[in-house]
Amino acid sequence: MYAIVTMNGMNAAYQNIYHHNIFDGIEVPEGIDVDTLIDRIMIRCGEFSVMHTDIDYMHYQILNFFKVHKFTFEKWLDAITQEYNPIENYDRYEEYEGGGTNESSGTSSGTSSGSNTDTLTKAAYNSSSYEPYEKNTGSVSSTDSGSSSSDGEYTEDHTSHIHGNIGVVSSQQMIQSSIDLYGGFNIYIAISDMFCDEFCIMVY
């Protein structure tokens, strides 16, 4: 029989019975080191009394705790690992695709006509005046017509990336905010604090 009072005592008893720590099997997002997290929880919570004194029930509740809050931990991790430029506060991407079909057609026509007459005159051997001798008359006409058409498909792609500082906050202020964020938030400490609130009576 073990006197299970603190988190340290609970974990030691669990290890003695099952030969591994009470956190065995917890689910954490990829990118969080499990051993580092367990160490931080035990440093933070080890000396506090636990709310559940049954070893197996405590293990079950710990597994459930990490399943329930896994999504929250993933979002925390996404927020602190997001790559960004600390002196820019405007970042927009535009991309669109378009296309269509061109169709055009037309016709043309024309007609031309005319006539001509050729007359040859000669003087007869017994006359001193010229008389018609030969006359040729003709006409000419032509008609021109035509048509043209063209069609085809076209595509149009556009991509742009607009970013920078829109001037509402100075670059120095944004740098300080970035320092405050990373200096004031640590995911291992945040999870261990949440764990203590859930399982420990934080009174020495």
Foldseek 3Di string as FASTA:
>chain_A
DFDQFFQQRLQVVCCVVVVHGLQPPADADPPDDPVVLVVLLCVVGGGFTWPDPDNVVVSVVNNVVRVVCRVVLVVVVCVLPPDDDLQWDDKDKDKDKDKDKDKDKDKDKDKFKFKDKDWDWDADPPGPDIDTDDMDIGMDMDMDMGMDMDMDMDMDIDIDMDIGHPPPDGSVVSVVVSCCVVVVDDSSNVVSVVVCVVIGDPDD
